[in-house]
Protein backbone atom coordinates (compact mmCIF):
# COMPACT_ATOMS: atom_id res chain seq x y z
CA MET A 1 11.58 23.29 14.73
CA GLN A 2 13.21 19.57 14.25
CA THR A 3 11.83 18.05 16.66
CA ALA A 4 8.73 19.03 15.95
CA ILE A 5 9.58 17.64 12.45
CA ARG A 6 10.41 14.46 13.88
CA ARG A 7 7.26 13.84 15.52
CA ALA A 8 4.98 14.87 12.36
CA THR A 9 3.90 11.90 11.09
CA GLY A 10 1.88 13.43 7.97
CA ARG A 11 2.17 10.74 5.50
CA PHE A 12 4.68 8.93 7.35
CA TRP A 13 7.87 10.15 6.02
CA PRO A 14 10.96 7.56 5.04
CA GLY A 15 13.81 7.33 7.52
CA ALA A 16 11.61 4.13 7.20
CA VAL A 17 3.08 -16.78 -1.48
CA VAL A 18 1.80 -19.03 0.63
CA ALA A 19 1.92 -22.14 1.10
CA GLY A 20 1.04 -25.21 3.55
CA ALA A 21 -2.25 -25.86 5.85
CA LEU A 22 -3.28 -22.12 6.56
CA ILE A 23 -6.47 -20.52 7.31
CA ALA A 24 -7.77 -17.62 5.24
CA VAL A 25 -9.39 -15.04 7.09
CA VAL A 26 -12.40 -13.23 4.59
CA ALA A 27 -13.50 -10.09 4.78
CA GLY A 28 -16.54 -9.85 2.21
CA VAL A 29 -17.19 -6.14 1.56
CA ARG A 30 -20.33 -4.79 0.00
CA ALA A 31 -20.96 -6.85 -2.98
CA GLN A 32 -20.31 -10.29 -1.44
CA PRO A 33 -17.79 -12.36 -3.48
CA ALA A 34 -19.40 -15.69 -5.04
CA PRO A 35 -18.94 -18.49 -2.86
CA GLY A 36 -14.96 -20.14 -3.25
CA GLU A 37 -13.53 -16.85 -3.92
CA ASP A 38 -11.44 -16.55 -1.09
CA ALA A 39 -9.93 -19.89 -1.79
CA ALA A 40 -9.60 -19.03 -5.16
CA VAL A 41 -7.48 -16.45 -4.72
CA PHE A 42 -5.85 -18.18 -1.71
CA ALA A 43 -4.63 -20.98 -4.41
CA ALA A 44 -3.43 -18.92 -6.90
CA ASP A 45 -1.28 -17.09 -4.47
CA GLY A 46 0.30 -20.02 -3.33
CA ALA A 47 0.19 -21.61 -6.28
CA LEU A 48 2.10 -18.13 -7.72
CA GLY A 49 4.97 -18.58 -4.56
CA GLU A 50 5.15 -22.38 -5.65
CA ALA A 51 6.20 -21.18 -9.71
CA MET A 52 8.58 -18.66 -8.09
CA ARG A 53 10.12 -21.39 -6.12
CA SER A 54 10.58 -24.16 -8.40
CA GLY A 55 10.93 -21.56 -11.16
CA ASP A 56 8.25 -22.41 -13.24
CA LYS A 57 8.18 -19.49 -15.78
CA SER A 58 5.12 -20.60 -17.25
CA SER A 59 2.57 -20.92 -14.52
CA ALA A 60 3.67 -17.72 -13.25
CA ARG A 61 3.17 -16.28 -16.31
CA ARG A 62 -0.23 -17.23 -16.64
CA LEU A 63 -1.17 -15.65 -12.93
CA LEU A 64 0.23 -12.31 -14.32
CA SER A 65 -1.24 -9.41 -15.01
CA LEU A 66 0.07 -7.46 -18.02
CA GLN A 67 0.55 -4.20 -15.67
CA PHE A 68 2.40 -6.46 -12.67
CA THR A 69 5.12 -5.12 -10.90
CA TYR A 70 6.62 -6.42 -7.67
CA ALA A 71 8.36 -3.95 -4.80
CA ASP A 72 11.40 -6.17 -2.97
CA GLN A 73 11.66 -5.06 1.00
CA ASN A 74 14.37 -2.35 -0.51
CA GLY A 75 12.13 -0.40 -2.61
CA LYS A 76 13.44 -2.39 -6.19
CA LEU A 77 10.83 -2.36 -8.71
CA HIS A 78 10.61 -5.16 -10.64
CA GLU A 79 8.93 -5.25 -14.09
CA ARG A 80 6.99 -8.17 -15.45
CA LYS A 81 9.26 -9.23 -17.82
CA ALA A 82 12.21 -9.04 -15.34
CA PHE A 83 10.32 -10.95 -12.55
CA LEU A 84 10.27 -13.93 -15.13
CA ASP A 85 13.11 -13.67 -16.11
CA ASP A 86 14.68 -14.53 -12.46
CA LEU A 87 11.60 -15.94 -10.36
CA LYS A 88 13.96 -18.27 -8.46
CA GLY A 89 16.10 -15.01 -7.53
CA VAL A 90 13.10 -13.40 -6.52
CA ALA A 91 11.17 -15.89 -4.39
CA ALA A 92 10.32 -15.54 -0.93
CA ALA A 93 9.81 -18.62 1.47
CA SER A 94 6.76 -19.63 2.43
CA ALA A 95 4.25 -17.48 4.54
CA THR A 96 2.51 -17.18 7.63
CA ASP A 97 -0.13 -15.78 9.35
CA VAL A 98 -1.89 -15.33 6.05
CA LYS A 99 -5.01 -13.39 5.25
CA VAL A 100 -7.13 -13.01 2.38
CA LYS A 101 -9.75 -10.14 2.18
CA ILE A 102 -12.01 -9.24 -1.15
CA TYR A 103 -13.41 -5.65 -2.11
CA GLY A 104 -15.78 -6.36 -5.40
CA SER A 105 -13.02 -7.79 -8.03
CA VAL A 106 -9.98 -6.77 -6.17
CA ALA A 107 -8.35 -9.07 -3.44
CA MET A 108 -5.99 -8.43 -1.27
CA VAL A 109 -3.84 -11.45 0.13
CA THR A 110 -1.54 -9.59 3.72
CA GLY A 111 0.89 -11.72 5.96
CA HIS A 112 5.02 -12.26 6.84
CA ARG A 113 7.41 -14.22 5.00
CA GLN A 114 11.31 -14.32 5.07
CA SER A 115 12.26 -12.16 1.89
CA VAL A 116 15.11 -13.28 -0.61
CA LEU A 117 17.44 -11.29 0.86
CA GLY A 118 16.66 -12.15 3.69
CA GLY A 119 14.09 -10.06 6.12
CA ASP A 120 11.46 -10.86 7.94
CA VAL A 121 8.56 -8.66 6.18
CA PHE A 122 5.06 -8.13 5.67
CA PHE A 123 3.94 -8.64 2.49
CA LEU A 124 0.51 -7.40 0.21
CA ASP A 125 -0.14 -9.10 -3.27
CA ILE A 126 -2.65 -7.44 -4.70
CA TRP A 127 -5.02 -9.69 -7.31
CA ALA A 128 -8.02 -8.90 -9.87
CA LYS A 129 -10.57 -10.41 -11.57
CA GLN A 130 -9.64 -10.38 -15.31
CA LYS A 131 -11.57 -12.32 -17.40
CA ALA A 132 -13.01 -14.34 -14.51
CA ALA A 133 -9.71 -15.42 -13.29
CA TRP A 134 -7.33 -13.95 -11.04
CA ARG A 135 -4.28 -12.56 -11.71
CA ILE A 136 -1.88 -10.26 -9.53
CA LEU A 137 -1.55 -6.73 -10.32
CA THR A 138 1.47 -6.11 -7.35
CA MET A 139 3.47 -7.65 -4.85
CA GLN A 140 5.39 -5.32 -2.24
CA ASP A 141 7.27 -6.30 0.62
CA VAL A 142 7.60 -3.72 4.02
CA ALA A 143 10.21 -4.21 6.58
CA LEU A 144 8.66 -3.17 9.50
CA GLY A 145 9.90 -2.26 12.86
CA ALA A 146 8.65 -2.12 16.41
CA GLY A 147 8.07 0.48 19.10
CA ASP A 148 5.78 3.36 18.89
CA ALA A 149 5.17 5.45 16.18
CA ARG A 150 4.18 8.71 17.77
CA ASP A 151 7.64 8.16 19.35
CA ALA A 152 9.58 7.41 16.07
CA ALA A 153 8.36 9.76 13.44
CA PRO A 154 11.63 9.98 10.72
CA GLU A 155 12.16 13.24 10.02
CA ALA A 156 11.45 15.10 6.69
CA PRO A 157 14.19 16.06 4.88
CA GLY A 158 14.64 18.53 2.72
CA ILE A 159 11.53 20.82 3.58
CA GLU A 160 10.87 23.92 6.21
CA ALA A 161 7.39 22.91 7.74
CA LYS A 162 6.62 26.50 7.93
CA LEU A 163 7.10 27.10 4.20
CA TYR A 164 5.53 23.89 3.23
CA GLU A 165 2.44 24.14 1.14
CA CYS A 166 1.00 21.13 -0.18
CA LYS A 167 0.44 21.62 -3.94
CA ASN A 168 1.01 18.13 -4.87
CA PRO A 169 -0.56 16.14 -3.84
CA CYS A 170 -3.51 18.27 -1.74
CA GLN A 171 -4.32 20.41 -5.32
CA THR A 172 -3.16 18.57 -8.77
CA ILE A 173 -1.92 14.99 -8.91
CA PRO A 174 0.00 13.82 -12.35
CA TYR A 175 -2.16 11.77 -13.11
CA ARG A 176 -5.18 12.05 -15.86
CA VAL A 177 -8.55 10.08 -14.55
CA ARG A 178 -10.03 7.73 -17.00
CA SER A 179 -13.53 7.51 -15.11
CA PRO A 180 -15.86 8.96 -13.00
CA ALA A 181 -15.17 6.32 -10.63
CA GLU A 182 -11.28 6.74 -10.48
CA GLN A 183 -12.52 10.55 -10.34
CA GLU A 184 -14.15 9.54 -6.61
CA ILE A 185 -11.01 8.02 -5.72
CA VAL A 186 -8.98 10.92 -6.35
CA ASN A 187 -11.16 13.26 -4.79
CA ALA A 188 -11.26 11.04 -1.55
CA PHE A 189 -7.27 10.84 -1.85
CA GLN A 190 -6.66 13.97 -1.84
CA ALA A 191 -9.79 14.89 0.91
CA ILE A 192 -7.74 12.55 3.38
CA GLU A 193 -4.25 14.65 2.20
CA LYS A 194 -5.87 17.77 3.14
CA ALA A 195 -7.39 16.40 6.45
CA THR A 196 -4.02 15.62 6.95
CA ILE A 197 -2.55 18.74 6.57
CA ALA A 198 -5.38 20.79 8.25
CA HIS A 199 -5.17 17.97 11.18
CA ASP A 200 -8.77 17.64 10.59
CA ALA A 201 -9.35 14.18 12.05
CA ASP A 202 -13.34 13.69 11.48
CA GLU A 203 -12.80 14.34 7.93
CA TYR A 204 -9.54 12.27 7.63
CA GLY A 205 -11.93 8.94 9.31
CA LYS A 206 -14.59 9.63 6.87
CA HIS A 207 -12.37 8.61 4.25
CA ILE A 208 -10.57 5.54 5.85
CA ALA A 209 -11.86 1.98 6.37
CA ASP A 210 -12.61 0.66 9.65
CA GLU A 211 -10.04 -2.38 8.99
CA PHE A 212 -7.64 0.26 7.80
CA VAL A 213 -3.77 -0.41 8.68
CA HIS A 214 -1.00 1.27 7.68
CA TYR A 215 1.96 -0.16 7.22
CA ARG A 216 5.58 1.29 6.54
CA SER A 217 9.48 0.55 6.35
CA GLY A 218 10.78 0.24 10.09
CA TYR A 219 7.98 1.07 11.81
CA PRO A 220 5.44 -0.80 13.19
CA PRO A 221 1.87 -0.37 11.83
CA ILE A 222 -0.41 1.96 12.91
CA SER A 223 -4.32 1.45 13.05
CA ARG A 224 -6.76 3.45 12.08
CA SER A 225 -7.91 4.63 15.67
CA GLU A 226 -4.00 5.22 16.28
CA ARG A 227 -3.65 7.19 13.30
CA ILE A 228 -6.67 9.71 14.25
CA ALA A 229 -5.14 9.59 17.48
CA ILE A 230 -1.71 10.91 16.10
CA ILE A 231 -3.20 13.74 13.75
CA GLU A 232 -5.48 14.79 17.33
CA ASP A 233 -1.90 14.89 18.83
CA GLN A 234 -0.89 17.26 16.14
CA LYS A 235 -3.20 19.29 16.16
CA ALA A 236 -3.02 19.53 20.02
CA HIS A 237 0.53 20.46 20.18
CA ASP A 238 0.89 22.09 16.79
CA ILE A 239 3.08 19.53 15.46
CA PRO A 240 2.96 20.04 11.25
CA SER A 241 2.44 17.30 9.07
CA LEU A 242 4.82 17.28 5.95
CA LEU A 243 3.15 14.95 2.87
CA THR A 244 5.59 13.29 0.25
CA ALA A 245 4.60 14.68 -3.30
CA ILE A 246 3.70 11.92 -6.24
CA GLN A 247 5.78 11.61 -9.05
CA SER A 248 3.77 9.04 -10.51
CA MET A 249 0.72 7.17 -10.05
CA ARG A 250 -1.19 4.12 -11.52
CA LEU A 251 -5.19 3.37 -10.72
CA TRP A 252 -7.21 0.52 -11.67
CA VAL A 253 -10.62 -0.17 -10.51
CA PHE A 254 -12.84 -3.26 -10.57
CA GLY A 255 -15.88 -2.94 -9.39
CA ASP A 256 -16.30 -1.79 -5.21
CA GLY A 257 -12.81 -2.43 -5.03
CA ALA A 258 -9.87 -0.81 -6.27
CA ALA A 259 -5.84 -0.42 -6.36
CA MET A 260 -3.46 2.41 -6.32
CA ILE A 261 0.32 2.79 -6.77
CA SER A 262 2.49 5.76 -6.43
CA THR A 263 6.13 6.61 -6.70
CA ASN A 264 6.90 9.39 -4.10
CA VAL A 265 9.08 11.81 -3.84
CA VAL A 266 10.28 15.16 -1.79
CA PRO A 267 8.58 18.15 -3.11
CA ASP A 268 11.26 19.83 -5.53
CA ASP A 269 12.86 16.83 -5.68
CA ALA A 270 13.63 13.72 -8.56
CA GLU A 271 14.55 10.91 -6.83
CA PRO A 272 11.89 8.94 -5.24
CA VAL A 273 11.61 7.97 -1.72
CA LEU A 274 8.27 6.10 -1.15
CA ARG A 275 6.42 3.55 -3.48
CA ILE A 276 3.24 3.38 -1.87
CA VAL A 277 0.30 0.69 -2.78
CA ARG A 278 -3.36 1.31 -1.54
CA VAL A 279 -6.32 -0.82 -1.75
CA TRP A 280 -10.12 1.21 -1.41
CA VAL A 281 -13.15 -0.30 -1.15
CA ARG A 282 -16.56 1.57 -2.11
CA ARG A 283 -18.96 1.48 0.79
CA GLY A 284 -22.49 3.11 0.99
CA GLY A 285 -21.29 5.26 -2.28
CA GLN A 286 -17.98 6.35 -1.06
CA TRP A 287 -15.20 5.10 -1.37
CA GLN A 288 -12.78 4.77 1.69
CA MET A 289 -8.75 3.48 1.49
CA ALA A 290 -8.46 0.18 3.40
CA ILE A 291 -4.72 -0.39 3.28
CA SER A 292 -1.49 1.32 2.76
CA ALA A 293 1.72 -0.19 2.56
CA GLN A 294 4.92 2.15 1.98
CA THR A 295 8.32 0.90 1.18
CA VAL A 296 11.31 3.35 1.20
CA ILE A 297 13.30 3.37 -1.80
CA LYS A 298 16.91 2.46 -1.11
CA THR A 299 19.88 3.96 -2.92
CA PRO A 300 22.23 1.62 -4.05
């Protein structure tokens, strides 16, 4: 059983701004962004990075949404006020391999940089168009690893696979939806979780965007096709999938794009083990997950 659990990669259990002359790679989706929107997001992300490194609190404040949070590579959460009070203390080096993708009125900036903690991290910055201005909702760092995710799946602590029931998040989530669009996203999310548990690769794939990549602490990125192959392998070898339960969740919908942030725990435990950030896109009337970035929360 331990070997099977180690191979289980259901929701990928934990074991596991921009400056310079960089080229933004833009993918317009369904509702095409207005001309120059990609450049505006790229410039805003770069301006925030410069403000952090120089300690310019006034400039940084204008770029942050009121709901802003930042999770570093250790999973430590920095709320808006604390972030502004210690800009230089959380400032990372300039980024490389920077890409911008816009989904409706949600944009994500991704790339790699050296964090203030000294590690090389993948970062995901999520921006939203609020009152005609791009403001950042969240920043998240993920310290990636190398190797083959199929053979390096960490154990699921504290759970006997044969007794595991996916109540949260498959059946219920501690979040009250505020609109029909939010309900559609929650439905799509739960369909993904149920398909993961059932090893239903076809159903899983219906709710995952073609460009989807999964990032998690300590492991290499996994593309949509690789994730589907893992689910098929689990089914062929009767390997259980174990999911973390959602402790808290926030969801924002802006047109055809949405951002979701959750804190996840081992079922029946109160200590958070993961902070997960996801971006969603609405295509053909259906919501699909475009990215998932999971950072392990390390206790002091």
